[in-house]
Amino acid sequence: MRITLLFKKAYSHLSRLATRLVGKQKAKQKTTVETVPNSRELERELELRLFEEKMRFLEKRHRRQARRRRADPHARLINACVRLGLFAHHFLSEGGKVYLRSDIAHRHAELSKKLKK
């Protein structure tokens, strides 16, 4: 993997990316770094390339995780909610049911009423 460098900030990002993509050892061997005089077009091109690389990585990871998740119906429900913009920390699952955080206080009140009776 050949990396063209414009500024220090990009270096840490790129080396992290390289490490994630090819593993630590390989990244050390294969990553050559060159610096070039700073220019707007090159900077934009690098950002674009970084973005594409990152998206490719995320898609791969997403596919991998999706394969693992398919089996689990509970996870499928959570995924559906995640796609709607709600994330796992909003959830509490109780006896196979999944509650959103906003419902949890309400649910808690219901349960405590039942316990008092």
PDB file of N, CA and C in Angstrom:
ATOM      1  N   MET A   1       0.859  -1.178   0.000  1.00  0.00           N
ATOM      2  CA  MET A   1       0.000   0.000   0.000  1.00  0.00           C
ATOM      3  C   MET A   1       0.899   1.231   0.000  1.00  0.00           C
ATOM      4  N   ARG A   2       0.667   2.122  -0.938  1.00  0.00           N
ATOM      5  CA  ARG A   2       1.530   3.283  -1.028  1.00  0.00           C
ATOM      6  C   ARG A   2       0.753   4.501  -0.571  1.00  0.00           C
ATOM      7  N   ILE A   3       1.343   5.234   0.306  1.00  0.00           N
ATOM      8  CA  ILE A   3       0.606   6.362   0.868  1.00  0.00           C
ATOM      9  C   ILE A   3       1.314   7.662   0.514  1.00  0.00           C
ATOM     10  N   THR A   4       0.579   8.581  -0.036  1.00  0.00           N
ATOM     11  CA  THR A   4       1.144   9.881  -0.326  1.00  0.00           C
ATOM     12  C   THR A   4       0.680  10.832   0.764  1.00  0.00           C
ATOM     13  N   LEU A   5       1.628  11.502   1.343  1.00  0.00           N
ATOM     14  CA  LEU A   5       1.314  12.318   2.509  1.00  0.00           C
ATOM     15  C   LEU A   5       1.302  13.796   2.228  1.00  0.00           C
ATOM     16  N   LEU A   6       0.351  14.466   2.782  1.00  0.00           N
ATOM     17  CA  LEU A   6       0.321  15.910   2.626  1.00  0.00           C
ATOM     18  C   LEU A   6       0.574  16.613   3.947  1.00  0.00           C
ATOM     19  N   PHE A   7       0.059  16.033   5.002  1.00  0.00           N
ATOM     20  CA  PHE A   7       0.200  16.680   6.299  1.00  0.00           C
ATOM     21  C   PHE A   7       0.170  15.608   7.364  1.00  0.00           C
ATOM     22  N   LYS A   8       0.660  15.936   8.525  1.00  0.00           N
ATOM     23  CA  LYS A   8       0.824  14.946   9.601  1.00  0.00           C
ATOM     24  C   LYS A   8      -0.488  14.299  10.003  1.00  0.00           C
ATOM     25  N   LYS A   9      -1.541  15.110  10.058  1.00  0.00           N
ATOM     26  CA  LYS A   9      -2.826  14.602  10.522  1.00  0.00           C
ATOM     27  C   LYS A   9      -3.264  13.405   9.679  1.00  0.00           C
ATOM     28  N   ALA A  10      -3.049  13.533   8.363  1.00  0.00           N
ATOM     29  CA  ALA A  10      -3.464  12.450   7.478  1.00  0.00           C
ATOM     30  C   ALA A  10      -2.647  11.204   7.746  1.00  0.00           C
ATOM     31  N   TYR A  11      -1.400  11.389   8.193  1.00  0.00           N
ATOM     32  CA  TYR A  11      -0.540  10.220   8.369  1.00  0.00           C
ATOM     33  C   TYR A  11      -1.107   9.262   9.404  1.00  0.00           C
ATOM     34  N   SER A  12      -1.507   9.796  10.554  1.00  0.00           N
ATOM     35  CA  SER A  12      -2.004   8.906  11.612  1.00  0.00           C
ATOM     36  C   SER A  12      -3.275   8.215  11.119  1.00  0.00           C
ATOM     37  N   HIS A  13      -4.113   8.986  10.412  1.00  0.00           N
ATOM     38  CA  HIS A  13      -5.356   8.409   9.908  1.00  0.00           C
ATOM     39  C   HIS A  13      -5.055   7.292   8.915  1.00  0.00           C
ATOM     40  N   LEU A  14      -4.124   7.583   7.993  1.00  0.00           N
ATOM     41  CA  LEU A  14      -3.788   6.600   6.973  1.00  0.00           C
ATOM     42  C   LEU A  14      -3.127   5.370   7.560  1.00  0.00           C
ATOM     43  N   SER A  15      -2.244   5.574   8.520  1.00  0.00           N
ATOM     44  CA  SER A  15      -1.566   4.399   9.072  1.00  0.00           C
ATOM     45  C   SER A  15      -2.567   3.535   9.825  1.00  0.00           C
ATOM     46  N   ARG A  16      -3.513   4.191  10.520  1.00  0.00           N
ATOM     47  CA  ARG A  16      -4.559   3.414  11.190  1.00  0.00           C
ATOM     48  C   ARG A  16      -5.376   2.628  10.180  1.00  0.00           C
ATOM     49  N   LEU A  17      -5.718   3.325   9.081  1.00  0.00           N
ATOM     50  CA  LEU A  17      -6.522   2.697   8.049  1.00  0.00           C
ATOM     51  C   LEU A  17      -5.769   1.515   7.451  1.00  0.00           C
ATOM     52  N   ALA A  18      -4.499   1.735   7.145  1.00  0.00           N
ATOM     53  CA  ALA A  18      -3.676   0.679   6.559  1.00  0.00           C
ATOM     54  C   ALA A  18      -3.616  -0.507   7.505  1.00  0.00           C
ATOM     55  N   THR A  19      -3.451  -0.217   8.784  1.00  0.00           N
ATOM     56  CA  THR A  19      -3.368  -1.277   9.776  1.00  0.00           C
ATOM     57  C   THR A  19      -4.656  -2.076   9.798  1.00  0.00           C
ATOM     58  N   ARG A  20      -5.788  -1.357   9.759  1.00  0.00           N
ATOM     59  CA  ARG A  20      -7.072  -2.065   9.781  1.00  0.00           C
ATOM     60  C   ARG A  20      -7.277  -2.911   8.534  1.00  0.00           C
ATOM     61  N   LEU A  21      -6.817  -2.374   7.405  1.00  0.00           N
ATOM     62  CA  LEU A  21      -7.079  -3.073   6.151  1.00  0.00           C
ATOM     63  C   LEU A  21      -6.190  -4.292   5.961  1.00  0.00           C
ATOM     64  N   VAL A  22      -4.921  -4.185   6.325  1.00  0.00           N
ATOM     65  CA  VAL A  22      -4.027  -5.306   6.021  1.00  0.00           C
ATOM     66  C   VAL A  22      -3.374  -5.935   7.246  1.00  0.00           C
ATOM     67  N   GLY A  23      -3.697  -5.466   8.433  1.00  0.00           N
ATOM     68  CA  GLY A  23      -3.107  -6.036   9.644  1.00  0.00           C
ATOM     69  C   GLY A  23      -1.800  -5.332   9.992  1.00  0.00           C
ATOM     70  N   LYS A  24      -1.457  -5.349  11.275  1.00  0.00           N
ATOM     71  CA  LYS A  24      -0.341  -4.547  11.772  1.00  0.00           C
ATOM     72  C   LYS A  24       0.994  -4.852  11.084  1.00  0.00           C
ATOM     73  N   GLN A  25       1.372  -6.132  11.051  1.00  0.00           N
ATOM     74  CA  GLN A  25       2.675  -6.490  10.490  1.00  0.00           C
ATOM     75  C   GLN A  25       2.794  -6.077   9.037  1.00  0.00           C
ATOM     76  N   LYS A  26       1.776  -6.435   8.261  1.00  0.00           N
ATOM     77  CA  LYS A  26       1.803  -6.112   6.835  1.00  0.00           C
ATOM     78  C   LYS A  26       1.835  -4.610   6.619  1.00  0.00           C
ATOM     79  N   ALA A  27       1.090  -3.890   7.438  1.00  0.00           N
ATOM     80  CA  ALA A  27       1.041  -2.437   7.274  1.00  0.00           C
ATOM     81  C   ALA A  27       2.437  -1.867   7.438  1.00  0.00           C
ATOM     82  N   LYS A  28       3.185  -2.389   8.416  1.00  0.00           N
ATOM     83  CA  LYS A  28       4.546  -1.889   8.636  1.00  0.00           C
ATOM     84  C   LYS A  28       5.425  -2.172   7.437  1.00  0.00           C
ATOM     85  N   GLN A  29       5.269  -3.373   6.855  1.00  0.00           N
ATOM     86  CA  GLN A  29       6.123  -3.730   5.723  1.00  0.00           C
ATOM     87  C   GLN A  29       5.717  -2.980   4.460  1.00  0.00           C
ATOM     88  N   LYS A  30       4.421  -2.897   4.209  1.00  0.00           N
ATOM     89  CA  LYS A  30       3.963  -2.466   2.892  1.00  0.00           C
ATOM     90  C   LYS A  30       3.676  -0.981   2.768  1.00  0.00           C
ATOM     91  N   THR A  31       3.633  -0.267   3.889  1.00  0.00           N
ATOM     92  CA  THR A  31       3.230   1.121   3.796  1.00  0.00           C
ATOM     93  C   THR A  31       4.439   2.003   3.574  1.00  0.00           C
ATOM     94  N   THR A  32       4.552   2.577   2.416  1.00  0.00           N
ATOM     95  CA  THR A  32       5.639   3.523   2.178  1.00  0.00           C
ATOM     96  C   THR A  32       5.034   4.908   2.207  1.00  0.00           C
ATOM     97  N   VAL A  33       5.724   5.805   2.831  1.00  0.00           N
ATOM     98  CA  VAL A  33       5.174   7.142   3.002  1.00  0.00           C
ATOM     99  C   VAL A  33       6.026   8.142   2.247  1.00  0.00           C
ATOM    100  N   GLU A  34       5.389   8.965   1.453  1.00  0.00           N
ATOM    101  CA  GLU A  34       6.132  10.021   0.776  1.00  0.00           C
ATOM    102  C   GLU A  34       5.431  11.330   1.094  1.00  0.00           C
ATOM    103  N   THR A  35       6.181  12.382   1.187  1.00  0.00           N
ATOM    104  CA  THR A  35       5.529  13.679   1.397  1.00  0.00           C
ATOM    105  C   THR A  35       5.595  14.469   0.097  1.00  0.00           C
ATOM    106  N   VAL A  36       4.569  15.235  -0.162  1.00  0.00           N
ATOM    107  CA  VAL A  36       4.556  16.064  -1.369  1.00  0.00           C
ATOM    108  C   VAL A  36       4.189  17.475  -0.956  1.00  0.00           C
ATOM    109  N   PRO A  37       4.567  18.439  -1.756  1.00  0.00           N
ATOM    110  CA  PRO A  37       4.190  19.811  -1.420  1.00  0.00           C
ATOM    111  C   PRO A  37       2.660  19.916  -1.346  1.00  0.00           C
ATOM    112  N   ASN A  38       2.209  20.650  -0.386  1.00  0.00           N
ATOM    113  CA  ASN A  38       0.776  20.757  -0.136  1.00  0.00           C
ATOM    114  C   ASN A  38       0.052  21.472  -1.285  1.00  0.00           C
ATOM    115  N   SER A  39      -1.006  20.857  -1.757  1.00  0.00           N
ATOM    116  CA  SER A  39      -1.827  21.541  -2.753  1.00  0.00           C
ATOM    117  C   SER A  39      -3.280  21.148  -2.537  1.00  0.00           C
ATOM    118  N   ARG A  40      -4.161  22.069  -2.821  1.00  0.00           N
ATOM    119  CA  ARG A  40      -5.586  21.858  -2.589  1.00  0.00           C
ATOM    120  C   ARG A  40      -6.128  20.623  -3.322  1.00  0.00           C
ATOM    121  N   GLU A  41      -5.772  20.484  -4.608  1.00  0.00           N
ATOM    122  CA  GLU A  41      -6.308  19.375  -5.392  1.00  0.00           C
ATOM    123  C   GLU A  41      -5.861  18.037  -4.825  1.00  0.00           C
ATOM    124  N   LEU A  42      -4.582  17.957  -4.495  1.00  0.00           N
ATOM    125  CA  LEU A  42      -4.063  16.707  -3.937  1.00  0.00           C
ATOM    126  C   LEU A  42      -4.748  16.394  -2.617  1.00  0.00           C
ATOM    127  N   GLU A  43      -4.942  17.438  -1.835  1.00  0.00           N
ATOM    128  CA  GLU A  43      -5.584  17.261  -0.536  1.00  0.00           C
ATOM    129  C   GLU A  43      -6.993  16.695  -0.729  1.00  0.00           C
ATOM    130  N   ARG A  44      -7.722  17.287  -1.680  1.00  0.00           N
ATOM    131  CA  ARG A  44      -9.087  16.813  -1.957  1.00  0.00           C
ATOM    132  C   ARG A  44      -9.076  15.369  -2.436  1.00  0.00           C
ATOM    133  N   GLU A  45      -8.127  15.089  -3.328  1.00  0.00           N
ATOM    134  CA  GLU A  45      -8.042  13.743  -3.877  1.00  0.00           C
ATOM    135  C   GLU A  45      -7.759  12.727  -2.773  1.00  0.00           C
ATOM    136  N   LEU A  46      -6.857  13.104  -1.871  1.00  0.00           N
ATOM    137  CA  LEU A  46      -6.521  12.207  -0.766  1.00  0.00           C
ATOM    138  C   LEU A  46      -7.747  11.976   0.114  1.00  0.00           C
ATOM    139  N   GLU A  47      -8.450  13.068   0.429  1.00  0.00           N
ATOM    140  CA  GLU A  47      -9.636  12.932   1.273  1.00  0.00           C
ATOM    141  C   GLU A  47     -10.667  12.026   0.610  1.00  0.00           C
ATOM    142  N   LEU A  48     -10.831  12.193  -0.699  1.00  0.00           N
ATOM    143  CA  LEU A  48     -11.771  11.362  -1.437  1.00  0.00           C
ATOM    144  C   LEU A  48     -11.347   9.903  -1.375  1.00  0.00           C
ATOM    145  N   ARG A  49     -10.039   9.677  -1.608  1.00  0.00           N
ATOM    146  CA  ARG A  49      -9.534   8.306  -1.599  1.00  0.00           C
ATOM    147  C   ARG A  49      -9.704   7.688  -0.211  1.00  0.00           C
ATOM    148  N   LEU A  50      -9.412   8.478   0.806  1.00  0.00           N
ATOM    149  CA  LEU A  50      -9.581   8.003   2.183  1.00  0.00           C
ATOM    150  C   LEU A  50     -11.031   7.629   2.429  1.00  0.00           C
ATOM    151  N   PHE A  51     -11.930   8.508   1.986  1.00  0.00           N
ATOM    152  CA  PHE A  51     -13.347   8.284   2.210  1.00  0.00           C
ATOM    153  C   PHE A  51     -13.787   6.995   1.514  1.00  0.00           C
ATOM    154  N   GLU A  52     -13.357   6.821   0.247  1.00  0.00           N
ATOM    155  CA  GLU A  52     -13.738   5.612  -0.491  1.00  0.00           C
ATOM    156  C   GLU A  52     -13.213   4.361   0.206  1.00  0.00           C
ATOM    157  N   GLU A  53     -11.958   4.459   0.663  1.00  0.00           N
ATOM    158  CA  GLU A  53     -11.327   3.324   1.338  1.00  0.00           C
ATOM    159  C   GLU A  53     -12.112   2.980   2.595  1.00  0.00           C
ATOM    160  N   LYS A  54     -12.463   4.017   3.333  1.00  0.00           N
ATOM    161  CA  LYS A  54     -13.182   3.820   4.581  1.00  0.00           C
ATOM    162  C   LYS A  54     -14.546   3.185   4.311  1.00  0.00           C
ATOM    163  N   MET A  55     -15.243   3.691   3.283  1.00  0.00           N
ATOM    164  CA  MET A  55     -16.558   3.140   2.965  1.00  0.00           C
ATOM    165  C   MET A  55     -16.449   1.673   2.555  1.00  0.00           C
ATOM    166  N   ARG A  56     -15.411   1.374   1.773  1.00  0.00           N
ATOM    167  CA  ARG A  56     -15.217  -0.008   1.346  1.00  0.00           C
ATOM    168  C   ARG A  56     -15.012  -0.898   2.567  1.00  0.00           C
ATOM    169  N   PHE A  57     -14.182  -0.405   3.486  1.00  0.00           N
ATOM    170  CA  PHE A  57     -13.904  -1.162   4.706  1.00  0.00           C
ATOM    171  C   PHE A  57     -15.185  -1.369   5.511  1.00  0.00           C
ATOM    172  N   LEU A  58     -15.970  -0.304   5.656  1.00  0.00           N
ATOM    173  CA  LEU A  58     -17.203  -0.391   6.441  1.00  0.00           C
ATOM    174  C   LEU A  58     -18.201  -1.347   5.796  1.00  0.00           C
ATOM    175  N   GLU A  59     -18.289  -1.299   4.457  1.00  0.00           N
ATOM    176  CA  GLU A  59     -19.208  -2.214   3.776  1.00  0.00           C
ATOM    177  C   GLU A  59     -18.817  -3.657   4.018  1.00  0.00           C
ATOM    178  N   LYS A  60     -17.510  -3.926   3.905  1.00  0.00           N
ATOM    179  CA  LYS A  60     -17.020  -5.291   4.138  1.00  0.00           C
ATOM    180  C   LYS A  60     -17.388  -5.725   5.544  1.00  0.00           C
ATOM    181  N   ARG A  61     -17.083  -4.838   6.507  1.00  0.00           N
ATOM    182  CA  ARG A  61     -17.347  -5.180   7.897  1.00  0.00           C
ATOM    183  C   ARG A  61     -18.837  -5.401   8.113  1.00  0.00           C
ATOM    184  N   HIS A  62     -19.644  -4.541   7.490  1.00  0.00           N
ATOM    185  CA  HIS A  62     -21.091  -4.654   7.648  1.00  0.00           C
ATOM    186  C   HIS A  62     -21.573  -6.009   7.106  1.00  0.00           C
ATOM    187  N   ARG A  63     -21.053  -6.394   5.935  1.00  0.00           N
ATOM    188  CA  ARG A  63     -21.453  -7.680   5.355  1.00  0.00           C
ATOM    189  C   ARG A  63     -21.074  -8.828   6.274  1.00  0.00           C
ATOM    190  N   ARG A  64     -19.866  -8.746   6.819  1.00  0.00           N
ATOM    191  CA  ARG A  64     -19.390  -9.800   7.724  1.00  0.00           C
ATOM    192  C   ARG A  64     -20.309  -9.914   8.935  1.00  0.00           C
ATOM    193  N   GLN A  65     -20.605  -8.754   9.523  1.00  0.00           N
ATOM    194  CA  GLN A  65     -21.442  -8.765  10.727  1.00  0.00           C
ATOM    195  C   GLN A  65     -22.856  -9.218  10.408  1.00  0.00           C
ATOM    196  N   ALA A  66     -23.349  -8.818   9.232  1.00  0.00           N
ATOM    197  CA  ALA A  66     -24.719  -9.186   8.860  1.00  0.00           C
ATOM    198  C   ALA A  66     -24.839 -10.701   8.772  1.00  0.00           C
ATOM    199  N   ARG A  67     -23.803 -11.340   8.243  1.00  0.00           N
ATOM    200  CA  ARG A  67     -23.840 -12.802   8.154  1.00  0.00           C
ATOM    201  C   ARG A  67     -23.980 -13.416   9.535  1.00  0.00           C
ATOM    202  N   ARG A  68     -23.242 -12.848  10.483  1.00  0.00           N
ATOM    203  CA  ARG A  68     -23.299 -13.382  11.848  1.00  0.00           C
ATOM    204  C   ARG A  68     -24.658 -13.148  12.486  1.00  0.00           C
ATOM    205  N   ARG A  69     -25.224 -11.963  12.191  1.00  0.00           N
ATOM    206  CA  ARG A  69     -26.461 -11.572  12.859  1.00  0.00           C
ATOM    207  C   ARG A  69     -27.698 -12.281  12.345  1.00  0.00           C
ATOM    208  N   ARG A  70     -27.655 -12.709  11.083  1.00  0.00           N
ATOM    209  CA  ARG A  70     -28.875 -13.221  10.459  1.00  0.00           C
ATOM    210  C   ARG A  70     -29.589 -14.262  11.302  1.00  0.00           C
ATOM    211  N   ALA A  71     -28.814 -15.062  12.014  1.00  0.00           N
ATOM    212  CA  ALA A  71     -29.406 -16.165  12.762  1.00  0.00           C
ATOM    213  C   ALA A  71     -30.233 -15.685  13.955  1.00  0.00           C
ATOM    214  N   ASP A  72     -29.934 -14.506  14.487  1.00  0.00           N
ATOM    215  CA  ASP A  72     -30.480 -14.090  15.766  1.00  0.00           C
ATOM    216  C   ASP A  72     -31.654 -13.117  15.601  1.00  0.00           C
ATOM    217  N   PRO A  73     -32.884 -13.567  15.873  1.00  0.00           N
ATOM    218  CA  PRO A  73     -34.052 -12.708  15.653  1.00  0.00           C
ATOM    219  C   PRO A  73     -34.036 -11.463  16.535  1.00  0.00           C
ATOM    220  N   HIS A  74     -33.520 -11.605  17.748  1.00  0.00           N
ATOM    221  CA  HIS A  74     -33.440 -10.467  18.655  1.00  0.00           C
ATOM    222  C   HIS A  74     -32.550  -9.400  18.036  1.00  0.00           C
ATOM    223  N   ALA A  75     -31.409  -9.846  17.486  1.00  0.00           N
ATOM    224  CA  ALA A  75     -30.490  -8.909  16.845  1.00  0.00           C
ATOM    225  C   ALA A  75     -31.146  -8.289  15.614  1.00  0.00           C
ATOM    226  N   ARG A  76     -31.977  -9.068  14.927  1.00  0.00           N
ATOM    227  CA  ARG A  76     -32.628  -8.532  13.732  1.00  0.00           C
ATOM    228  C   ARG A  76     -33.551  -7.379  14.099  1.00  0.00           C
ATOM    229  N   LEU A  77     -34.241  -7.528  15.215  1.00  0.00           N
ATOM    230  CA  LEU A  77     -35.124  -6.465  15.668  1.00  0.00           C
ATOM    231  C   LEU A  77     -34.312  -5.219  16.009  1.00  0.00           C
ATOM    232  N   ILE A  78     -33.240  -5.446  16.735  1.00  0.00           N
ATOM    233  CA  ILE A  78     -32.387  -4.310  17.098  1.00  0.00           C
ATOM    234  C   ILE A  78     -31.839  -3.651  15.833  1.00  0.00           C
ATOM    235  N   ASN A  79     -31.433  -4.477  14.860  1.00  0.00           N
ATOM    236  CA  ASN A  79     -30.917  -3.917  13.609  1.00  0.00           C
ATOM    237  C   ASN A  79     -31.941  -3.052  12.907  1.00  0.00           C
ATOM    238  N   ALA A  80     -33.175  -3.527  12.909  1.00  0.00           N
ATOM    239  CA  ALA A  80     -34.225  -2.761  12.250  1.00  0.00           C
ATOM    240  C   ALA A  80     -34.325  -1.390  12.911  1.00  0.00           C
ATOM    241  N   CYS A  81     -34.238  -1.383  14.224  1.00  0.00           N
ATOM    242  CA  CYS A  81     -34.320  -0.112  14.950  1.00  0.00           C
ATOM    243  C   CYS A  81     -33.089   0.740  14.670  1.00  0.00           C
ATOM    244  N   VAL A  82     -31.936   0.083  14.586  1.00  0.00           N
ATOM    245  CA  VAL A  82     -30.705   0.822  14.317  1.00  0.00           C
ATOM    246  C   VAL A  82     -30.802   1.509  12.960  1.00  0.00           C
ATOM    247  N   ARG A  83     -31.394   0.800  11.997  1.00  0.00           N
ATOM    248  CA  ARG A  83     -31.558   1.409  10.675  1.00  0.00           C
ATOM    249  C   ARG A  83     -32.467   2.633  10.749  1.00  0.00           C
ATOM    250  N   LEU A  84     -33.364   2.640  11.719  1.00  0.00           N
ATOM    251  CA  LEU A  84     -34.247   3.793  11.880  1.00  0.00           C
ATOM    252  C   LEU A  84     -33.566   4.897  12.685  1.00  0.00           C
ATOM    253  N   GLY A  85     -32.312   4.676  13.040  1.00  0.00           N
ATOM    254  CA  GLY A  85     -31.557   5.716  13.725  1.00  0.00           C
ATOM    255  C   GLY A  85     -31.568   5.586  15.232  1.00  0.00           C
ATOM    256  N   LEU A  86     -32.019   4.454  15.731  1.00  0.00           N
ATOM    257  CA  LEU A  86     -31.980   4.231  17.177  1.00  0.00           C
ATOM    258  C   LEU A  86     -30.844   3.256  17.427  1.00  0.00           C
ATOM    259  N   PHE A  87     -30.082   3.435  18.479  1.00  0.00           N
ATOM    260  CA  PHE A  87     -28.933   2.562  18.652  1.00  0.00           C
ATOM    261  C   PHE A  87     -29.069   1.657  19.857  1.00  0.00           C
ATOM    262  N   ALA A  88     -28.201   0.668  19.903  1.00  0.00           N
ATOM    263  CA  ALA A  88     -28.332  -0.397  20.882  1.00  0.00           C
ATOM    264  C   ALA A  88     -28.449   0.110  22.315  1.00  0.00           C
ATOM    265  N   HIS A  89     -27.800   1.257  22.651  1.00  0.00           N
ATOM    266  CA  HIS A  89     -27.884   1.701  24.039  1.00  0.00           C
ATOM    267  C   HIS A  89     -29.274   2.220  24.393  1.00  0.00           C
ATOM    268  N   HIS A  90     -30.156   2.307  23.393  1.00  0.00           N
ATOM    269  CA  HIS A  90     -31.532   2.702  23.700  1.00  0.00           C
ATOM    270  C   HIS A  90     -32.385   1.510  24.103  1.00  0.00           C
ATOM    271  N   PHE A  91     -31.770   0.337  24.102  1.00  0.00           N
ATOM    272  CA  PHE A  91     -32.594  -0.851  24.287  1.00  0.00           C
ATOM    273  C   PHE A  91     -32.400  -1.519  25.622  1.00  0.00           C
ATOM    274  N   LEU A  92     -33.448  -2.180  26.025  1.00  0.00           N
ATOM    275  CA  LEU A  92     -33.372  -3.041  27.184  1.00  0.00           C
ATOM    276  C   LEU A  92     -34.183  -4.242  26.764  1.00  0.00           C
ATOM    277  N   SER A  93     -33.627  -5.416  26.859  1.00  0.00           N
ATOM    278  CA  SER A  93     -34.479  -6.527  26.446  1.00  0.00           C
ATOM    279  C   SER A  93     -34.901  -7.258  27.700  1.00  0.00           C
ATOM    280  N   GLU A  94     -36.139  -7.688  27.682  1.00  0.00           N
ATOM    281  CA  GLU A  94     -36.676  -8.314  28.882  1.00  0.00           C
ATOM    282  C   GLU A  94     -37.553  -9.459  28.414  1.00  0.00           C
ATOM    283  N   GLY A  95     -37.163 -10.672  28.728  1.00  0.00           N
ATOM    284  CA  GLY A  95     -37.954 -11.836  28.349  1.00  0.00           C
ATOM    285  C   GLY A  95     -38.262 -11.886  26.867  1.00  0.00           C
ATOM    286  N   GLY A  96     -37.257 -11.594  26.033  1.00  0.00           N
ATOM    287  CA  GLY A  96     -37.457 -11.696  24.594  1.00  0.00           C
ATOM    288  C   GLY A  96     -38.124 -10.475  23.984  1.00  0.00           C
ATOM    289  N   LYS A  97     -38.584  -9.540  24.829  1.00  0.00           N
ATOM    290  CA  LYS A  97     -39.164  -8.317  24.279  1.00  0.00           C
ATOM    291  C   LYS A  97     -38.093  -7.242  24.353  1.00  0.00           C
ATOM    292  N   VAL A  98     -38.111  -6.343  23.409  1.00  0.00           N
ATOM    293  CA  VAL A  98     -37.121  -5.274  23.417  1.00  0.00           C
ATOM    294  C   VAL A  98     -37.841  -3.959  23.627  1.00  0.00           C
ATOM    295  N   TYR A  99     -37.407  -3.216  24.619  1.00  0.00           N
ATOM    296  CA  TYR A  99     -38.035  -1.929  24.896  1.00  0.00           C
ATOM    297  C   TYR A  99     -37.081  -0.815  24.537  1.00  0.00           C
ATOM    298  N   LEU A 100     -37.618   0.242  23.997  1.00  0.00           N
ATOM    299  CA  LEU A 100     -36.807   1.432  23.798  1.00  0.00           C
ATOM    300  C   LEU A 100     -36.674   2.134  25.139  1.00  0.00           C
ATOM    301  N   ARG A 101     -35.574   2.877  25.295  1.00  0.00           N
ATOM    302  CA  ARG A 101     -35.344   3.566  26.564  1.00  0.00           C
ATOM    303  C   ARG A 101     -36.528   4.417  27.009  1.00  0.00           C
ATOM    304  N   SER A 102     -37.138   5.115  26.049  1.00  0.00           N
ATOM    305  CA  SER A 102     -38.236   5.992  26.444  1.00  0.00           C
ATOM    306  C   SER A 102     -39.366   5.189  27.084  1.00  0.00           C
ATOM    307  N   ASP A 103     -39.499   3.928  26.650  1.00  0.00           N
ATOM    308  CA  ASP A 103     -40.554   3.097  27.223  1.00  0.00           C
ATOM    309  C   ASP A 103     -40.136   2.479  28.542  1.00  0.00           C
ATOM    310  N   ILE A 104     -38.849   2.509  28.825  1.00  0.00           N
ATOM    311  CA  ILE A 104     -38.360   1.747  29.970  1.00  0.00           C
ATOM    312  C   ILE A 104     -38.908   2.325  31.274  1.00  0.00           C
ATOM    313  N   ALA A 105     -38.910   3.649  31.390  1.00  0.00           N
ATOM    314  CA  ALA A 105     -39.403   4.267  32.623  1.00  0.00           C
ATOM    315  C   ALA A 105     -40.865   3.887  32.824  1.00  0.00           C
ATOM    316  N   HIS A 106     -41.615   3.958  31.721  1.00  0.00           N
ATOM    317  CA  HIS A 106     -43.026   3.621  31.748  1.00  0.00           C
ATOM    318  C   HIS A 106     -43.202   2.155  32.158  1.00  0.00           C
ATOM    319  N   ARG A 107     -42.406   1.294  31.550  1.00  0.00           N
ATOM    320  CA  ARG A 107     -42.445  -0.142  31.816  1.00  0.00           C
ATOM    321  C   ARG A 107     -42.101  -0.417  33.281  1.00  0.00           C
ATOM    322  N   HIS A 108     -41.109   0.312  33.792  1.00  0.00           N
ATOM    323  CA  HIS A 108     -40.662   0.136  35.161  1.00  0.00           C
ATOM    324  C   HIS A 108     -41.804   0.482  36.121  1.00  0.00           C
ATOM    325  N   ALA A 109     -42.487   1.590  35.780  1.00  0.00           N
ATOM    326  CA  ALA A 109     -43.619   2.010  36.608  1.00  0.00           C
ATOM    327  C   ALA A 109     -44.689   0.916  36.625  1.00  0.00           C
ATOM    328  N   GLU A 110     -44.962   0.352  35.444  1.00  0.00           N
ATOM    329  CA  GLU A 110     -45.959  -0.723  35.350  1.00  0.00           C
ATOM    330  C   GLU A 110     -45.577  -1.908  36.228  1.00  0.00           C
ATOM    331  N   LEU A 111     -44.322  -2.311  36.123  1.00  0.00           N
ATOM    332  CA  LEU A 111     -43.854  -3.472  36.878  1.00  0.00           C
ATOM    333  C   LEU A 111     -43.935  -3.220  38.381  1.00  0.00           C
ATOM    334  N   SER A 112     -43.539  -2.016  38.789  1.00  0.00           N
ATOM    335  CA  SER A 112     -43.562  -1.752  40.229  1.00  0.00           C
ATOM    336  C   SER A 112     -44.997  -1.714  40.766  1.00  0.00           C
ATOM    337  N   LYS A 113     -45.956  -1.252  39.934  1.00  0.00           N
ATOM    338  CA  LYS A 113     -47.370  -1.289  40.335  1.00  0.00           C
ATOM    339  C   LYS A 113     -47.808  -2.725  40.578  1.00  0.00           C
ATOM    340  N   LYS A 114     -47.439  -3.598  39.628  1.00  0.00           N
ATOM    341  CA  LYS A 114     -47.811  -5.008  39.753  1.00  0.00           C
ATOM    342  C   LYS A 114     -47.222  -5.613  41.019  1.00  0.00           C
ATOM    343  N   LEU A 115     -45.979  -5.251  41.311  1.00  0.00           N
ATOM    344  CA  LEU A 115     -45.317  -5.822  42.486  1.00  0.00           C
ATOM    345  C   LEU A 115     -45.989  -5.377  43.781  1.00  0.00           C
ATOM    346  N   LYS A 116     -46.495  -4.133  43.802  1.00  0.00           N
ATOM    347  CA  LYS A 116     -47.139  -3.619  45.016  1.00  0.00           C
ATOM    348  C   LYS A 116     -48.454  -4.335  45.324  1.00  0.00           C
ATOM    349  N   LYS A 117     -49.153  -4.781  44.264  1.00  0.00           N
ATOM    350  CA  LYS A 117     -50.475  -5.404  44.459  1.00  0.00           C
ATOM    351  C   LYS A 117     -50.430  -6.688  45.215  1.00  0.00           C
TER     352      LYS A 117
END
